[in-house]
Amino acid sequence: MNFDHMALIAQKISFAFEDHFFDEKKRNIFTALFNKYLQPVDPSGAMEPYDALVLLGRQNPAEFALMVKDMKEKGLITD
């Protein structure tokens, strides 16, 4: 996956998180997945989701792809 494509997916995830923030169920799913996948790149949780997603995509593209797959399966994002 090239950087531009990965960055667009990261943006899509970030926007979806913002769109569903007030849906407690979906927000909790996002939070659980962010904790699972973004912890290695942002252990303090201080980064904005988009920045942490991009960093994950750069440092560990396979883990990024797995996170995207999980989000699609849970209905948080679409293709």
N, C-alpha and C. Protein backbone atom coordinates (compact mmCIF):
# COMPACT_ATOMS: atom_id res chain seq x y z
N MET A 1 0.86 -1.17 0.00
CA MET A 1 0.00 0.00 0.00
C MET A 1 0.90 1.23 0.00
N ASN A 2 0.67 2.14 -0.93
CA ASN A 2 1.49 3.33 -0.97
C ASN A 2 1.05 4.34 0.10
N PHE A 3 1.91 5.28 0.37
CA PHE A 3 1.66 6.23 1.45
C PHE A 3 0.38 7.04 1.23
N ASP A 4 0.15 7.51 0.02
CA ASP A 4 -1.04 8.33 -0.25
C ASP A 4 -2.32 7.55 0.04
N HIS A 5 -2.35 6.29 -0.38
CA HIS A 5 -3.53 5.46 -0.14
C HIS A 5 -3.71 5.22 1.35
N MET A 6 -2.63 4.93 2.04
CA MET A 6 -2.68 4.70 3.48
C MET A 6 -3.16 5.96 4.21
N ALA A 7 -2.67 7.12 3.79
CA ALA A 7 -3.07 8.39 4.41
C ALA A 7 -4.55 8.66 4.19
N LEU A 8 -5.08 8.33 3.03
CA LEU A 8 -6.51 8.50 2.77
C LEU A 8 -7.35 7.59 3.65
N ILE A 9 -6.89 6.36 3.85
CA ILE A 9 -7.60 5.44 4.74
C ILE A 9 -7.55 5.96 6.17
N ALA A 10 -6.40 6.45 6.59
CA ALA A 10 -6.26 7.01 7.94
C ALA A 10 -7.22 8.19 8.12
N GLN A 11 -7.34 9.02 7.10
CA GLN A 11 -8.27 10.15 7.16
C GLN A 11 -9.71 9.65 7.24
N LYS A 12 -10.03 8.64 6.47
CA LYS A 12 -11.37 8.07 6.48
C LYS A 12 -11.72 7.53 7.87
N ILE A 13 -10.76 6.85 8.50
CA ILE A 13 -10.97 6.32 9.85
C ILE A 13 -11.16 7.46 10.84
N SER A 14 -10.32 8.46 10.74
CA SER A 14 -10.41 9.61 11.64
C SER A 14 -11.76 10.31 11.51
N PHE A 15 -12.22 10.51 10.29
CA PHE A 15 -13.53 11.14 10.06
C PHE A 15 -14.66 10.26 10.59
N ALA A 16 -14.55 8.96 10.37
CA ALA A 16 -15.59 8.04 10.87
C ALA A 16 -15.65 8.08 12.39
N PHE A 17 -14.49 8.14 13.03
CA PHE A 17 -14.46 8.24 14.49
C PHE A 17 -15.17 9.51 14.95
N GLU A 18 -14.89 10.62 14.30
CA GLU A 18 -15.55 11.88 14.65
C GLU A 18 -17.05 11.81 14.39
N ASP A 19 -17.44 11.22 13.27
CA ASP A 19 -18.85 11.12 12.92
C ASP A 19 -19.64 10.28 13.93
N HIS A 20 -19.00 9.25 14.47
CA HIS A 20 -19.68 8.32 15.38
C HIS A 20 -19.35 8.57 16.84
N PHE A 21 -18.72 9.68 17.13
CA PHE A 21 -18.26 9.93 18.50
C PHE A 21 -19.41 9.90 19.51
N PHE A 22 -20.56 10.40 19.13
CA PHE A 22 -21.68 10.47 20.08
C PHE A 22 -22.52 9.19 20.12
N ASP A 23 -22.15 8.21 19.30
CA ASP A 23 -22.75 6.88 19.37
C ASP A 23 -21.86 6.07 20.31
N GLU A 24 -22.30 5.92 21.55
CA GLU A 24 -21.44 5.33 22.59
C GLU A 24 -20.94 3.94 22.21
N LYS A 25 -21.79 3.14 21.61
CA LYS A 25 -21.39 1.78 21.24
C LYS A 25 -20.23 1.81 20.22
N LYS A 26 -20.41 2.60 19.17
CA LYS A 26 -19.36 2.67 18.14
C LYS A 26 -18.10 3.35 18.68
N ARG A 27 -18.29 4.40 19.49
CA ARG A 27 -17.13 5.07 20.08
C ARG A 27 -16.32 4.08 20.91
N ASN A 28 -16.99 3.23 21.67
CA ASN A 28 -16.29 2.23 22.48
C ASN A 28 -15.54 1.22 21.62
N ILE A 29 -16.11 0.86 20.48
CA ILE A 29 -15.42 -0.07 19.58
C ILE A 29 -14.19 0.61 18.99
N PHE A 30 -14.35 1.84 18.52
CA PHE A 30 -13.19 2.59 18.02
C PHE A 30 -12.10 2.66 19.09
N THR A 31 -12.49 3.03 20.30
CA THR A 31 -11.53 3.19 21.38
C THR A 31 -10.79 1.89 21.66
N ALA A 32 -11.51 0.79 21.67
CA ALA A 32 -10.88 -0.51 21.91
C ALA A 32 -9.89 -0.85 20.80
N LEU A 33 -10.28 -0.58 19.55
CA LEU A 33 -9.36 -0.87 18.44
C LEU A 33 -8.17 0.08 18.44
N PHE A 34 -8.40 1.34 18.74
CA PHE A 34 -7.29 2.28 18.84
C PHE A 34 -6.33 1.84 19.94
N ASN A 35 -6.87 1.44 21.08
CA ASN A 35 -6.00 0.97 22.17
C ASN A 35 -5.19 -0.25 21.74
N LYS A 36 -5.83 -1.15 21.04
CA LYS A 36 -5.16 -2.38 20.60
C LYS A 36 -4.06 -2.10 19.57
N TYR A 37 -4.39 -1.33 18.55
CA TYR A 37 -3.47 -1.17 17.43
C TYR A 37 -2.54 0.04 17.54
N LEU A 38 -2.97 1.10 18.19
CA LEU A 38 -2.17 2.32 18.22
C LEU A 38 -1.26 2.42 19.45
N GLN A 39 -1.47 1.57 20.43
CA GLN A 39 -0.66 1.58 21.65
C GLN A 39 0.84 1.51 21.35
N PRO A 40 1.29 0.64 20.44
CA PRO A 40 2.74 0.58 20.18
C PRO A 40 3.34 1.87 19.61
N VAL A 41 2.56 2.64 18.85
CA VAL A 41 3.10 3.86 18.25
C VAL A 41 2.79 5.10 19.07
N ASP A 42 1.80 5.00 19.95
CA ASP A 42 1.40 6.14 20.78
C ASP A 42 1.03 5.63 22.18
N PRO A 43 2.03 5.19 22.94
CA PRO A 43 1.74 4.58 24.24
C PRO A 43 1.01 5.49 25.22
N SER A 44 1.21 6.78 25.13
CA SER A 44 0.55 7.70 26.06
C SER A 44 -0.86 8.10 25.58
N GLY A 45 -1.19 7.79 24.33
CA GLY A 45 -2.49 8.17 23.78
C GLY A 45 -2.64 9.66 23.57
N ALA A 46 -1.52 10.36 23.41
CA ALA A 46 -1.55 11.81 23.30
C ALA A 46 -1.72 12.32 21.86
N MET A 47 -1.49 11.47 20.89
CA MET A 47 -1.57 11.91 19.50
C MET A 47 -3.01 11.96 19.02
N GLU A 48 -3.25 12.79 18.03
CA GLU A 48 -4.55 12.78 17.34
C GLU A 48 -4.66 11.44 16.61
N PRO A 49 -5.86 10.89 16.51
CA PRO A 49 -6.01 9.59 15.85
C PRO A 49 -5.38 9.55 14.45
N TYR A 50 -5.61 10.58 13.64
CA TYR A 50 -5.04 10.57 12.28
C TYR A 50 -3.52 10.43 12.32
N ASP A 51 -2.86 11.20 13.17
CA ASP A 51 -1.40 11.15 13.24
C ASP A 51 -0.91 9.78 13.69
N ALA A 52 -1.58 9.21 14.68
CA ALA A 52 -1.19 7.88 15.16
C ALA A 52 -1.45 6.82 14.09
N LEU A 53 -2.54 6.96 13.35
CA LEU A 53 -2.84 6.01 12.27
C LEU A 53 -1.78 6.06 11.18
N VAL A 54 -1.39 7.27 10.80
CA VAL A 54 -0.35 7.42 9.77
C VAL A 54 0.97 6.82 10.27
N LEU A 55 1.31 7.08 11.51
CA LEU A 55 2.54 6.54 12.07
C LEU A 55 2.50 5.01 12.08
N LEU A 56 1.37 4.44 12.47
CA LEU A 56 1.23 2.98 12.44
C LEU A 56 1.40 2.47 11.02
N GLY A 57 0.77 3.12 10.07
CA GLY A 57 0.89 2.70 8.67
C GLY A 57 2.31 2.74 8.15
N ARG A 58 3.07 3.71 8.60
CA ARG A 58 4.47 3.81 8.18
C ARG A 58 5.34 2.76 8.88
N GLN A 59 5.13 2.60 10.18
CA GLN A 59 6.00 1.71 10.96
C GLN A 59 5.62 0.24 10.83
N ASN A 60 4.33 -0.04 10.68
CA ASN A 60 3.90 -1.42 10.64
C ASN A 60 2.68 -1.55 9.71
N PRO A 61 2.93 -1.56 8.40
CA PRO A 61 1.83 -1.59 7.43
C PRO A 61 0.94 -2.83 7.58
N ALA A 62 1.51 -3.96 7.97
CA ALA A 62 0.70 -5.17 8.12
C ALA A 62 -0.29 -5.01 9.27
N GLU A 63 0.13 -4.40 10.36
CA GLU A 63 -0.75 -4.17 11.50
C GLU A 63 -1.82 -3.14 11.14
N PHE A 64 -1.45 -2.14 10.37
CA PHE A 64 -2.41 -1.14 9.89
C PHE A 64 -3.49 -1.82 9.06
N ALA A 65 -3.08 -2.69 8.14
CA ALA A 65 -4.03 -3.41 7.29
C ALA A 65 -4.96 -4.28 8.13
N LEU A 66 -4.43 -4.91 9.16
CA LEU A 66 -5.25 -5.74 10.04
C LEU A 66 -6.27 -4.88 10.79
N MET A 67 -5.86 -3.71 11.25
CA MET A 67 -6.78 -2.81 11.94
C MET A 67 -7.90 -2.37 10.99
N VAL A 68 -7.56 -2.04 9.76
CA VAL A 68 -8.56 -1.63 8.78
C VAL A 68 -9.55 -2.77 8.55
N LYS A 69 -9.04 -3.98 8.44
CA LYS A 69 -9.90 -5.15 8.25
C LYS A 69 -10.85 -5.29 9.44
N ASP A 70 -10.34 -5.18 10.65
CA ASP A 70 -11.19 -5.26 11.84
C ASP A 70 -12.27 -4.19 11.84
N MET A 71 -11.91 -2.97 11.44
CA MET A 71 -12.87 -1.87 11.41
C MET A 71 -13.96 -2.11 10.37
N LYS A 72 -13.58 -2.65 9.25
CA LYS A 72 -14.57 -2.97 8.20
C LYS A 72 -15.51 -4.06 8.69
N GLU A 73 -14.95 -5.09 9.31
CA GLU A 73 -15.77 -6.20 9.81
C GLU A 73 -16.75 -5.75 10.89
N LYS A 74 -16.37 -4.76 11.66
CA LYS A 74 -17.22 -4.26 12.73
C LYS A 74 -18.16 -3.13 12.26
N GLY A 75 -18.12 -2.82 10.96
CA GLY A 75 -19.02 -1.83 10.38
C GLY A 75 -18.69 -0.39 10.72
N LEU A 76 -17.44 -0.13 11.12
CA LEU A 76 -17.04 1.23 11.46
C LEU A 76 -16.67 2.05 10.23
N ILE A 77 -16.12 1.37 9.23
CA ILE A 77 -15.78 2.02 7.97
C ILE A 77 -16.22 1.11 6.82
N THR A 78 -16.34 1.70 5.65
CA THR A 78 -16.70 0.94 4.46
C THR A 78 -15.57 1.05 3.46
N ASP A 79 -15.69 0.30 2.39
CA ASP A 79 -14.65 0.35 1.35
C ASP A 79 -14.58 1.66 0.67
